[in-house]
Amino acid sequence: MKMQLAAGIVAGTMTIGAIAQAQETITAVHAFPETLIYTQSFLSFVDKVNDAGEGVVQIEVRGGPEAIGMFQQPDAVRDGIVDMVYTPGSFYGGALPEKDALVASNLTAIETRQNGGIALIDEIHQEKMGLKYLGWFDSGVCYNLWTRDAPTFDADGNLEVEGLKLRGNAVYNAFFTNYLGAQVIDLPTGEVYAALQRGVVDATGWTQIGLIDLKWNEFLNYRIEPCFFSTDLGVIVNQDRWNELSDEAKTIIQDVAIQHEIDSVNALRAKRDADFAALEEQGMQVVELEGDAKAAYLSAAREKTWERMQELMAEHPMGTANYDRLIELFYDASAD
């Protein structure tokens, strides 16, 4: 009996050990500082996965740009240095110009998940970069142009940018330079506050939310409407690491990601409304383009971005085969 009892204890211990070892871990980093609303959204996704995946799979967040530089993160996940990255597609647009379909989109992840757009983007990520595109988070939020001084307009109501010290980046430079004709100063997000403080720049594009988090509202006094573009923030996972996960772990992570696509749309739209109200209470003034000038502004933002996408796609081995399909899935002309 003693031998049977001992054998039972050993077997039980081995079973418990096997269960403990069965829990898988995914390492992750995020592009922006933890204080930014977008990072908070990603961290809430992580919490949801860790709650749903207890005993099966957990995401271990290693930090943000202080851990791996924001522009180095896409290469880091592709090379397996980290398993998962939350980042704008624009940060790796040179390798995957198709991300511009999301930038120029007037739809959200909800519609593009349903119509097959995200499945196509996932397929392209896998083929071109060896990455799993898990989800398009925080969609449904667009960009505005924010300025220190009151904007000026020509006789036709078009925005004048001559003399404007405009901060640019990879997301909107095709629009700012090719259409507006602005001479932009490229700066990463983390350097913009100091640049505004010193007068290096006096205007920037930025999303409808997050200005207060970044404290740029200390220097920026005008929001120009209409808004343009869409955020292209997504989660990418090393394909080999994804394939190693158990089917149960994959299902948990993917199901939570799809639900977070929906949740984040609703949460960030509420945040946008709250931010706008707070900014206007602090004195932020809203200036609107009208009529033909407004239509041309919106059309140029979209078409210059599509033009950039097509030109860059043509330089890649896959070519422009998916160009028309991407526009069809990520843009609804009837919504204009």
Protein backbone atom coordinates (compact mmCIF):
# COMPACT_ATOMS: atom_id res chain seq x y z
CA MET A 1 0.00 0.00 0.00
CA LYS A 2 2.88 2.35 0.87
CA MET A 3 4.41 1.73 -2.53
CA GLN A 4 1.08 2.35 -4.24
CA LEU A 5 0.57 5.55 -2.26
CA ALA A 6 4.08 6.78 -3.10
CA ALA A 7 3.54 5.96 -6.75
CA GLY A 8 0.25 7.88 -6.66
CA ILE A 9 1.91 10.92 -5.09
CA VAL A 10 4.69 10.88 -7.71
CA ALA A 11 2.18 10.52 -10.53
CA GLY A 12 0.09 13.33 -9.12
CA THR A 13 3.12 15.56 -8.74
CA MET A 14 4.15 14.87 -12.32
CA THR A 15 0.63 15.71 -13.53
CA ILE A 16 0.62 18.99 -11.62
CA GLY A 17 4.06 19.78 -13.02
CA ALA A 18 2.89 19.03 -16.54
CA ILE A 19 -0.11 21.32 -16.10
CA ALA A 20 2.13 24.11 -14.77
CA GLN A 21 4.50 23.71 -17.67
CA ALA A 22 1.64 23.75 -20.16
CA GLN A 23 1.05 27.47 -19.63
CA GLU A 24 2.74 29.31 -22.49
CA THR A 25 4.21 32.81 -22.38
CA ILE A 26 4.25 35.46 -25.09
CA THR A 27 6.63 38.40 -24.66
CA ALA A 28 5.46 41.80 -25.86
CA VAL A 29 6.48 45.45 -26.23
CA HIS A 30 4.52 48.54 -27.24
CA ALA A 31 5.59 51.46 -29.42
CA PHE A 32 4.47 54.35 -27.24
CA PRO A 33 4.97 55.32 -23.58
CA GLU A 34 2.71 53.65 -21.05
CA THR A 35 0.90 56.90 -20.23
CA LEU A 36 -0.53 57.32 -23.74
CA ILE A 37 -4.17 56.29 -24.23
CA TYR A 38 -3.28 53.93 -27.07
CA THR A 39 -0.81 52.03 -24.91
CA GLN A 40 -3.42 51.85 -22.18
CA SER A 41 -5.75 50.24 -24.70
CA PHE A 42 -3.14 47.62 -25.57
CA LEU A 43 -2.46 46.91 -21.91
CA SER A 44 -6.17 46.36 -21.33
CA PHE A 45 -6.07 43.80 -24.16
CA VAL A 46 -3.15 42.09 -22.40
CA ASP A 47 -5.14 41.96 -19.16
CA LYS A 48 -8.09 40.40 -20.97
CA VAL A 49 -5.87 37.72 -22.54
CA ASN A 50 -4.21 36.96 -19.23
CA ASP A 51 -7.57 36.61 -17.49
CA ALA A 52 -9.02 34.39 -20.22
CA GLY A 53 -5.78 32.45 -20.69
CA GLU A 54 -4.94 31.66 -17.08
CA GLY A 55 -3.25 28.26 -17.03
CA VAL A 56 -3.01 28.23 -20.84
CA VAL A 57 -1.27 31.35 -22.13
CA GLN A 58 -0.04 34.65 -20.71
CA ILE A 59 1.36 37.82 -22.30
CA GLU A 60 4.41 39.22 -20.53
CA VAL A 61 4.89 42.91 -21.34
CA ARG A 62 8.55 43.86 -21.42
CA GLY A 63 7.94 47.62 -21.78
CA GLY A 64 7.75 50.25 -24.49
CA PRO A 65 10.27 52.29 -26.49
CA GLU A 66 12.60 52.34 -23.50
CA ALA A 67 12.96 48.55 -23.89
CA ILE A 68 13.24 48.44 -27.70
CA GLY A 69 13.24 51.60 -29.82
CA MET A 70 9.86 52.21 -31.42
CA PHE A 71 11.22 52.04 -34.96
CA GLN A 72 13.26 48.91 -34.18
CA GLN A 73 10.31 46.98 -32.76
CA PRO A 74 8.93 45.64 -36.09
CA ASP A 75 12.34 44.13 -36.93
CA ALA A 76 12.64 42.79 -33.39
CA VAL A 77 9.38 40.84 -33.62
CA ARG A 78 10.18 39.61 -37.12
CA ASP A 79 13.58 38.38 -35.90
CA GLY A 80 12.11 36.72 -32.81
CA ILE A 81 13.76 39.00 -30.24
CA VAL A 82 10.27 39.61 -28.88
CA ASP A 83 7.10 37.66 -29.69
CA MET A 84 4.52 40.44 -30.01
CA VAL A 85 4.51 44.16 -30.81
CA TYR A 86 1.76 46.78 -30.67
CA THR A 87 2.70 49.46 -33.20
CA PRO A 88 1.47 51.59 -36.11
CA GLY A 89 1.80 49.85 -39.45
CA SER A 90 3.47 53.03 -40.68
CA PHE A 91 6.53 52.17 -38.60
CA TYR A 92 7.27 49.31 -41.00
CA GLY A 93 5.67 50.76 -44.14
CA GLY A 94 8.86 50.30 -46.15
CA ALA A 95 8.50 46.54 -45.82
CA LEU A 96 4.72 46.50 -46.06
CA PRO A 97 3.28 49.52 -47.93
CA GLU A 98 -0.14 47.86 -47.95
CA LYS A 99 -0.62 49.32 -44.44
CA ASP A 100 -1.64 52.54 -46.22
CA ALA A 101 -5.00 50.90 -46.90
CA LEU A 102 -5.67 51.28 -43.17
CA VAL A 103 -4.29 54.84 -43.07
CA ALA A 104 -6.66 55.99 -45.83
CA SER A 105 -9.59 53.93 -44.55
CA ASN A 106 -12.96 55.40 -43.58
CA LEU A 107 -14.02 52.10 -42.01
CA THR A 108 -13.19 50.50 -38.68
CA ALA A 109 -11.80 47.13 -37.70
CA ILE A 110 -15.37 45.99 -37.12
CA GLU A 111 -16.36 46.30 -40.78
CA THR A 112 -13.00 45.19 -42.19
CA ARG A 113 -12.92 42.12 -39.95
CA GLN A 114 -16.33 41.18 -41.36
CA ASN A 115 -15.59 41.88 -45.02
CA GLY A 116 -12.23 40.06 -45.13
CA GLY A 117 -9.98 43.12 -45.13
CA ILE A 118 -8.08 42.14 -41.99
CA ALA A 119 -7.73 38.57 -43.24
CA LEU A 120 -6.06 39.93 -46.38
CA ILE A 121 -3.74 42.17 -44.35
CA ASP A 122 -2.85 39.15 -42.20
CA GLU A 123 -2.06 37.10 -45.31
CA ILE A 124 0.21 39.85 -46.66
CA HIS A 125 2.02 40.17 -43.31
CA GLN A 126 2.67 36.44 -43.25
CA GLU A 127 3.95 36.32 -46.81
CA LYS A 128 6.07 39.47 -46.74
CA MET A 129 7.38 39.63 -43.19
CA GLY A 130 6.79 36.29 -41.49
CA LEU A 131 4.38 37.98 -39.07
CA LYS A 132 0.89 37.15 -37.87
CA TYR A 133 -1.36 40.24 -37.99
CA LEU A 134 -3.47 39.64 -34.93
CA GLY A 135 -5.75 42.64 -35.02
CA TRP A 136 -6.36 46.28 -35.90
CA PHE A 137 -6.81 48.00 -32.55
CA ASP A 138 -8.10 51.49 -31.76
CA SER A 139 -9.56 52.12 -35.21
CA GLY A 140 -12.29 54.66 -35.92
CA VAL A 141 -10.16 57.57 -34.74
CA CYS A 142 -8.88 60.02 -37.33
CA TYR A 143 -6.24 62.77 -37.46
CA ASN A 144 -6.39 66.55 -37.27
CA LEU A 145 -3.88 69.24 -38.01
CA TRP A 146 -3.12 71.18 -34.79
CA THR A 147 -1.40 74.59 -34.79
CA ARG A 148 0.02 77.10 -32.34
CA ASP A 149 -1.17 80.13 -34.32
CA ALA A 150 -4.42 80.80 -36.15
CA PRO A 151 -4.31 79.13 -39.60
CA THR A 152 -4.58 81.26 -42.73
CA PHE A 153 -6.40 80.53 -45.99
CA ASP A 154 -6.09 81.68 -49.59
CA ALA A 155 -8.86 83.39 -51.56
CA ASP A 156 -10.41 79.99 -52.36
CA GLY A 157 -10.47 78.88 -48.75
CA ASN A 158 -7.52 76.48 -49.05
CA LEU A 159 -5.19 76.11 -46.10
CA GLU A 160 -1.91 78.00 -46.44
CA VAL A 161 1.17 76.28 -45.03
CA GLU A 162 3.97 78.57 -46.21
CA GLY A 163 6.12 79.46 -43.24
CA LEU A 164 4.52 76.80 -41.05
CA LYS A 165 7.05 74.74 -39.08
CA LEU A 166 5.15 71.51 -39.43
CA ARG A 167 6.14 68.32 -37.68
CA GLY A 168 5.80 65.35 -39.99
CA ASN A 169 6.18 61.59 -39.88
CA ALA A 170 5.69 58.57 -42.08
CA VAL A 171 1.93 58.48 -41.58
CA TYR A 172 1.01 61.75 -43.24
CA ASN A 173 4.00 63.08 -45.12
CA ALA A 174 2.56 62.06 -48.51
CA PHE A 175 -0.37 64.36 -47.76
CA PHE A 176 1.59 67.17 -46.09
CA THR A 177 4.34 67.38 -48.70
CA ASN A 178 2.78 66.16 -51.95
CA TYR A 179 -0.50 68.04 -51.61
CA LEU A 180 -0.12 70.80 -49.01
CA GLY A 181 3.44 71.49 -50.16
CA ALA A 182 4.71 71.78 -46.61
CA GLN A 183 8.36 71.54 -45.63
CA VAL A 184 8.07 69.09 -42.78
CA ILE A 185 10.39 68.38 -39.87
CA ASP A 186 10.35 64.65 -39.09
CA LEU A 187 10.30 63.95 -35.37
CA PRO A 188 9.35 60.89 -33.32
CA THR A 189 6.48 61.32 -30.87
CA GLY A 190 8.72 61.48 -27.83
CA GLU A 191 10.58 64.56 -29.14
CA VAL A 192 7.59 66.68 -30.12
CA TYR A 193 6.92 68.24 -26.70
CA ALA A 194 10.44 69.67 -26.50
CA ALA A 195 10.28 70.79 -30.14
CA LEU A 196 7.05 72.68 -29.46
CA GLN A 197 8.50 74.13 -26.29
CA ARG A 198 11.58 75.44 -28.11
CA GLY A 199 9.66 76.63 -31.17
CA VAL A 200 11.32 74.13 -33.50
CA VAL A 201 7.83 73.24 -34.74
CA ASP A 202 4.56 75.11 -34.39
CA ALA A 203 2.12 72.64 -35.91
CA THR A 204 1.66 68.88 -36.11
CA GLY A 205 -0.69 66.23 -37.28
CA TRP A 206 -2.03 64.03 -34.50
CA THR A 207 -5.01 61.85 -33.77
CA GLN A 208 -8.22 63.17 -32.26
CA ILE A 209 -7.19 61.81 -28.87
CA GLY A 210 -4.00 61.82 -26.85
CA LEU A 211 -3.00 65.48 -27.17
CA ILE A 212 -3.68 66.05 -23.47
CA ASP A 213 -1.83 62.85 -22.49
CA LEU A 214 1.23 64.15 -24.35
CA LYS A 215 0.76 67.70 -22.96
CA TRP A 216 1.04 69.19 -26.43
CA ASN A 217 -2.06 71.24 -25.64
CA GLU A 218 0.25 73.50 -23.61
CA PHE A 219 1.45 74.91 -26.95
CA LEU A 220 -1.22 74.13 -29.55
CA ASN A 221 -4.29 76.35 -29.72
CA TYR A 222 -6.13 75.48 -32.93
CA ARG A 223 -7.64 72.28 -34.32
CA ILE A 224 -8.29 72.29 -38.06
CA GLU A 225 -11.27 70.36 -39.36
CA PRO A 226 -12.09 68.14 -41.15
CA CYS A 227 -10.13 65.24 -39.74
CA PHE A 228 -8.43 62.86 -42.15
CA PHE A 229 -6.92 59.35 -42.18
CA SER A 230 -7.36 56.63 -39.60
CA THR A 231 -5.08 55.22 -36.95
CA ASP A 232 -3.27 52.08 -38.18
CA LEU A 233 -2.31 50.62 -34.81
CA GLY A 234 -2.14 46.86 -34.75
CA VAL A 235 -0.66 43.85 -33.01
CA ILE A 236 1.86 41.74 -34.90
CA VAL A 237 3.23 38.39 -33.71
CA ASN A 238 6.27 36.43 -34.83
CA GLN A 239 4.85 33.78 -37.17
CA ASP A 240 7.06 30.94 -35.93
CA ARG A 241 6.14 31.70 -32.32
CA TRP A 242 2.46 31.86 -33.25
CA ASN A 243 2.67 28.47 -34.95
CA GLU A 244 4.27 26.96 -31.83
CA LEU A 245 1.32 27.91 -29.63
CA SER A 246 -1.30 25.33 -28.79
CA ASP A 247 -4.62 25.60 -30.63
CA GLU A 248 -6.25 26.55 -27.33
CA ALA A 249 -3.80 29.40 -26.76
CA LYS A 250 -4.25 30.69 -30.32
CA THR A 251 -8.03 30.63 -29.96
CA ILE A 252 -7.95 32.55 -26.68
CA ILE A 253 -5.62 35.25 -28.01
CA GLN A 254 -7.43 35.64 -31.34
CA ASP A 255 -10.91 35.72 -29.79
CA VAL A 256 -9.87 38.37 -27.27
CA ALA A 257 -8.21 40.40 -30.05
CA ILE A 258 -11.37 40.39 -32.18
CA GLN A 259 -13.48 41.49 -29.22
CA HIS A 260 -10.92 44.20 -28.38
CA GLU A 261 -11.19 45.54 -31.92
CA ILE A 262 -14.86 46.20 -31.16
CA ASP A 263 -14.36 47.41 -27.60
CA SER A 264 -11.58 49.84 -28.51
CA VAL A 265 -13.64 51.54 -31.23
CA ASN A 266 -16.35 52.37 -28.74
CA ALA A 267 -14.00 53.30 -25.90
CA LEU A 268 -11.83 55.63 -27.95
CA ARG A 269 -14.75 57.44 -29.54
CA ALA A 270 -15.99 58.22 -26.03
CA LYS A 271 -12.47 59.35 -25.13
CA ARG A 272 -12.36 61.60 -28.23
CA ASP A 273 -15.56 63.35 -27.19
CA ALA A 274 -14.23 63.86 -23.66
CA ASP A 275 -10.88 65.18 -24.93
CA PHE A 276 -12.53 67.61 -27.35
CA ALA A 277 -14.72 68.97 -24.56
CA ALA A 278 -11.74 69.37 -22.22
CA LEU A 279 -9.61 71.07 -24.88
CA GLU A 280 -12.34 73.50 -25.85
CA GLU A 281 -12.86 74.35 -22.19
CA GLN A 282 -9.15 75.18 -22.01
CA GLY A 283 -9.47 77.53 -25.00
CA MET A 284 -8.74 75.31 -28.00
CA GLN A 285 -10.37 76.89 -31.06
CA VAL A 286 -11.78 74.87 -33.96
CA VAL A 287 -11.30 76.16 -37.52
CA GLU A 288 -13.11 74.42 -40.36
CA LEU A 289 -12.40 74.21 -44.07
CA GLU A 290 -15.57 74.49 -46.11
CA GLY A 291 -17.01 73.69 -49.52
CA ASP A 292 -14.60 72.81 -52.33
CA ALA A 293 -11.57 73.45 -50.14
CA LYS A 294 -12.81 70.86 -47.63
CA ALA A 295 -13.57 68.31 -50.36
CA ALA A 296 -10.16 68.80 -51.98
CA TYR A 297 -8.39 68.49 -48.62
CA LEU A 298 -10.05 65.17 -47.82
CA SER A 299 -9.64 63.82 -51.34
CA ALA A 300 -5.95 64.68 -51.41
CA ALA A 301 -5.27 63.02 -48.05
CA ARG A 302 -6.80 59.79 -49.33
CA GLU A 303 -5.53 59.80 -52.91
CA LYS A 304 -1.96 60.85 -52.14
CA THR A 305 -1.78 58.01 -49.65
CA TRP A 306 -3.15 55.50 -52.14
CA GLU A 307 -0.67 56.83 -54.70
CA ARG A 308 2.20 56.26 -52.29
CA MET A 309 0.93 52.77 -51.53
CA GLN A 310 0.71 51.82 -55.20
CA GLU A 311 4.18 53.18 -56.01
CA LEU A 312 5.81 51.32 -53.13
CA MET A 313 3.88 48.11 -53.79
CA ALA A 314 5.16 48.14 -57.37
CA GLU A 315 8.72 47.94 -56.05
CA HIS A 316 8.00 44.73 -54.12
CA PRO A 317 8.00 41.13 -55.44
CA MET A 318 4.24 40.80 -54.85
CA GLY A 319 3.67 43.93 -56.93
CA THR A 320 0.32 45.70 -57.03
CA ALA A 321 -1.85 42.58 -57.27
CA ASN A 322 -3.75 43.45 -54.09
CA TYR A 323 -4.04 47.20 -54.67
CA ASP A 324 -7.64 47.38 -55.94
CA ARG A 325 -8.82 44.75 -53.47
CA LEU A 326 -7.33 46.63 -50.53
CA ILE A 327 -9.12 49.84 -51.48
CA GLU A 328 -12.36 47.93 -51.97
CA LEU A 329 -12.14 46.37 -48.51
CA PHE A 330 -10.90 49.38 -46.54
CA TYR A 331 -12.74 52.27 -48.19
CA ASP A 332 -16.46 52.86 -48.57
CA ALA A 333 -17.03 55.56 -51.20
CA SER A 334 -20.71 55.78 -50.32
CA ALA A 335 -19.80 56.99 -46.82
CA ASP A 336 -18.37 60.32 -48.13
